[in-house]
Amino acid sequence: MNFDPSVREMTNVAAVAGEVTLFRAVIARAFHDALNRRAVDSKVADSEAREARMLREEARTWLLSDSIDFRRVCQWALLEPEAVRDSARRAIDKCDAAGSGDVRAA
């Protein structure tokens, strides 16, 4: 895909907006997966928890990386990769602290 957010033709604003929305949804889904409490919930079936843990770790690795894929998705979403990464790091730290019973993070 060759989507360059810096090249916007006025005749194609709807398509650009749709693509930006799509890539923001990709980032939102990564946040959802990275913060998934089902990965550590003892009430969840083993196979579900295992899959949730795998998705959680993959999402966390991707969100905290500086990979070209991460940077491109952020660019296509018209977001700064560093800002997304910082936000992800704070959200993950808060999620993990809440799960460990650390009331300071709540």
Protein backbone atom coordinates (compact mmCIF):
# COMPACT_ATOMS: atom_id res chain seq x y z
CA MET A 1 0.00 0.00 0.00
CA ASN A 2 1.34 3.42 -0.91
CA PHE A 3 -0.58 5.78 1.32
CA ASP A 4 1.29 8.99 1.97
CA PRO A 5 -0.63 11.27 4.37
CA SER A 6 1.32 14.30 3.18
CA VAL A 7 -0.17 13.96 -0.30
CA ARG A 8 -3.86 14.78 -0.05
CA GLU A 9 -5.87 15.67 -3.06
CA MET A 10 -9.02 17.61 -2.31
CA THR A 11 -10.95 15.22 -4.50
CA ASN A 12 -9.94 12.26 -2.35
CA VAL A 13 -10.49 13.58 1.19
CA ALA A 14 -13.02 10.87 2.05
CA ALA A 15 -10.61 8.10 1.06
CA VAL A 16 -7.80 9.65 3.11
CA ALA A 17 -10.09 10.03 6.13
CA GLY A 18 -11.16 6.40 5.77
CA GLU A 19 -7.58 5.17 5.64
CA VAL A 20 -6.60 7.28 8.65
CA THR A 21 -9.56 5.82 10.55
CA LEU A 22 -8.52 2.30 9.54
CA PHE A 23 -4.95 2.70 10.79
CA ARG A 24 -6.13 4.33 14.01
CA ALA A 25 -8.34 1.27 14.50
CA VAL A 26 -5.25 -0.94 14.09
CA ILE A 27 -3.53 0.99 16.88
CA ALA A 28 -6.65 0.92 19.06
CA ARG A 29 -6.88 -2.87 18.63
CA ALA A 30 -3.24 -3.22 19.64
CA PHE A 31 -3.98 -1.23 22.81
CA HIS A 32 -7.01 -3.44 23.48
CA ASP A 33 -4.95 -6.60 23.10
CA ALA A 34 -2.01 -5.22 25.12
CA LEU A 35 -4.25 -4.38 28.07
CA ASN A 36 -6.38 -7.53 27.94
CA ARG A 37 -7.04 -8.72 31.49
CA ARG A 38 -8.34 -12.09 30.23
CA ALA A 39 -4.71 -13.09 29.75
CA VAL A 40 -4.28 -13.27 33.51
CA ASP A 41 -7.87 -14.02 34.62
CA SER A 42 -8.02 -17.35 36.45
CA LYS A 43 -11.70 -17.74 35.50
CA VAL A 44 -10.89 -17.96 31.79
CA ALA A 45 -10.37 -21.35 30.13
CA ASP A 46 -6.73 -22.31 29.63
CA SER A 47 -6.90 -22.19 25.83
CA GLU A 48 -8.54 -18.74 25.88
CA ALA A 49 -6.04 -17.43 28.40
CA ARG A 50 -3.14 -18.84 26.39
CA GLU A 51 -4.39 -17.13 23.22
CA ALA A 52 -5.03 -13.89 25.11
CA ARG A 53 -1.49 -14.00 26.57
CA MET A 54 0.00 -14.54 23.12
CA LEU A 55 -1.98 -11.63 21.64
CA ARG A 56 -1.15 -9.49 24.64
CA GLU A 57 2.59 -10.06 24.34
CA GLU A 58 2.58 -9.55 20.56
CA ALA A 59 0.65 -6.29 20.93
CA ARG A 60 2.93 -5.04 23.69
CA THR A 61 6.04 -5.90 21.72
CA TRP A 62 4.68 -4.10 18.65
CA LEU A 63 3.46 -1.00 20.54
CA LEU A 64 6.74 -0.59 22.40
CA SER A 65 8.93 -1.25 19.38
CA ASP A 66 10.50 1.12 16.93
CA SER A 67 9.85 -1.23 14.02
CA ILE A 68 9.25 0.12 10.55
CA ASP A 69 5.76 -1.43 10.60
CA PHE A 70 4.87 0.40 13.81
CA ARG A 71 6.23 3.69 12.48
CA ARG A 72 4.36 3.31 9.18
CA VAL A 73 1.03 2.52 10.82
CA CYS A 74 1.46 5.57 13.06
CA GLN A 75 2.36 7.70 10.05
CA TRP A 76 -0.68 6.46 8.13
CA ALA A 77 -2.83 7.14 11.21
CA LEU A 78 -1.38 10.69 11.32
CA LEU A 79 0.02 10.04 14.81
CA GLU A 80 3.52 10.50 16.20
CA PRO A 81 5.09 7.08 16.91
CA GLU A 82 6.83 8.39 20.03
CA ALA A 83 3.55 9.72 21.45
CA VAL A 84 1.76 6.43 20.74
CA ARG A 85 4.62 4.46 22.31
CA ASP A 86 4.69 6.69 25.41
CA SER A 87 0.94 6.38 25.81
CA ALA A 88 1.15 2.59 25.42
CA ARG A 89 3.95 2.37 27.98
CA ARG A 90 1.94 4.36 30.55
CA ALA A 91 -1.23 2.33 29.90
CA ILE A 92 0.64 -0.99 30.17
CA ASP A 93 2.40 0.07 33.38
CA LYS A 94 -0.93 1.16 34.89
CA CYS A 95 -2.62 -2.08 33.79
CA ASP A 96 0.16 -4.22 35.25
CA ALA A 97 0.24 -2.25 38.51
CA ALA A 98 -3.54 -2.55 38.90
CA GLY A 99 -3.28 -6.29 38.31
CA SER A 100 -0.61 -6.66 40.97
CA GLY A 101 -2.67 -4.83 43.57
CA ASP A 102 -0.55 -1.66 43.53
CA VAL A 103 -3.14 0.98 44.52
CA ARG A 104 -0.84 3.86 43.59
CA ALA A 105 -1.38 3.13 39.87
CA ALA A 106 -5.17 3.17 40.13
